Protein backbone atom coordinates (compact mmCIF):
# COMPACT_ATOMS: atom_id res chain seq x y z
CA UNK A 1 104.71 118.83 90.43
CA UNK A 2 106.05 115.88 92.44
CA UNK A 3 109.32 116.40 94.23
CA UNK A 4 112.45 114.36 93.66
CA UNK A 5 111.87 112.10 96.67
CA UNK A 6 108.30 111.26 95.58
CA UNK A 7 109.40 110.60 92.01
CA UNK A 8 112.24 108.29 93.06
CA UNK A 9 110.04 106.47 95.58
CA UNK A 10 107.48 105.73 92.86
CA UNK A 11 110.27 104.44 90.62
CA UNK A 12 111.61 101.86 93.09
CA UNK A 13 110.46 98.67 91.45
CA UNK A 14 111.02 94.95 91.88
CA UNK A 15 113.16 93.37 89.20
CA UNK A 16 115.25 90.29 88.53
CA UNK A 17 119.01 90.19 88.14
CA UNK A 18 118.67 89.38 84.43
CA UNK A 19 117.22 92.88 83.93
CA UNK A 20 119.96 94.50 86.00
CA UNK A 21 122.67 92.52 84.20
CA UNK A 22 122.31 94.68 81.09
CA UNK A 23 123.13 97.74 83.21
CA UNK A 24 125.99 95.85 84.82
CA UNK A 25 127.63 95.46 81.40
CA UNK A 26 128.19 99.23 81.46
CA UNK A 27 129.33 99.10 85.11
CA UNK A 28 126.33 101.15 86.26
CA UNK A 29 124.90 98.95 89.06
CA UNK A 30 125.45 99.73 92.73
CA UNK A 31 124.21 97.49 95.52
CA UNK A 32 122.77 99.23 98.58
CA UNK A 33 123.02 97.31 101.86
CA UNK A 34 120.03 97.15 104.20
CA UNK A 35 121.65 99.63 106.60
CA UNK A 36 120.97 102.43 104.09
CA UNK A 37 117.40 103.02 102.90
CA UNK A 38 117.29 102.56 99.12
CA UNK A 39 115.30 105.78 98.73
CA UNK A 40 117.88 107.74 100.77
CA UNK A 41 120.70 106.43 98.61
CA UNK A 42 118.78 107.31 95.45
CA UNK A 43 118.08 110.85 96.65
CA UNK A 44 121.73 111.34 97.64
CA UNK A 45 122.95 110.19 94.22
CA UNK A 46 120.36 112.30 92.39
CA UNK A 47 121.25 115.39 94.43
CA UNK A 48 124.98 114.74 94.00
CA UNK A 49 125.45 114.53 97.77
CA UNK A 50 129.06 113.43 97.49
CA UNK A 51 129.65 113.39 101.26
CA UNK A 52 126.89 110.84 101.90
CA UNK A 53 127.72 108.74 98.84
CA UNK A 54 131.43 108.73 99.66
CA UNK A 55 130.67 107.72 103.25
CA UNK A 56 128.56 104.77 102.08
CA UNK A 57 131.16 103.74 99.51
CA UNK A 58 133.94 103.93 102.12
CA UNK A 59 131.94 101.87 104.62
CA UNK A 60 130.88 99.29 102.02
CA UNK A 61 127.19 100.08 102.46
CA UNK A 62 127.09 101.09 98.78
CA UNK A 63 129.21 99.05 96.41
CA UNK A 64 129.53 97.63 92.93
CA UNK A 65 128.66 93.93 92.76
CA UNK A 66 131.66 91.63 92.91
CA UNK A 67 132.48 89.25 90.06
CA UNK A 68 131.50 86.32 92.28
CA UNK A 69 128.11 87.90 93.09
CA UNK A 70 127.49 88.62 89.41
CA UNK A 71 128.33 85.02 88.51
CA UNK A 72 126.12 83.60 91.28
CA UNK A 73 123.17 85.85 90.45
CA UNK A 74 123.53 85.07 86.75
CA UNK A 75 123.51 81.31 87.43
CA UNK A 76 120.54 81.44 89.80
CA UNK A 77 117.10 81.96 88.30
CA UNK A 78 114.67 84.43 89.78
CA UNK A 79 117.15 86.48 91.84
CA UNK A 80 115.03 89.47 92.85
CA UNK A 81 115.96 93.03 93.73
CA UNK A 82 114.29 96.33 94.41
CA UNK A 83 115.90 98.86 92.11
CA UNK A 84 115.73 102.45 90.99
CA UNK A 85 117.39 104.19 88.08
CA UNK A 86 119.23 107.39 88.93
CA UNK A 87 120.90 108.17 85.62
CA UNK A 88 123.46 107.02 84.75
CA UNK A 89 123.31 104.52 87.63
CA UNK A 90 121.01 101.81 88.90
CA UNK A 91 120.78 101.31 92.65
CA UNK A 92 119.59 97.91 93.82
CA UNK A 93 118.96 95.90 96.95
CA UNK A 94 118.47 92.16 96.96
CA UNK A 95 115.05 91.11 98.24
């Protein structure tokens, strides 16, 4: 049986903002800055590692997209991200 890390790694997929936007309507999208590996953030969220997640939120390395980012990404076609679903959230990094 694959472990959590393997499962999440296999589920990191490229996507466009238009697919993430539907998750954004329920305020479920978090952007992960390049300083934090997307897989590490996904594992921390899945394992409920509140210390790591809080640290990234406090430092701004993990954040909800701003209204101006959402507007810009919605207006621009083909905005691409790598993303992974960690219910009930979606973690994403712009490509």
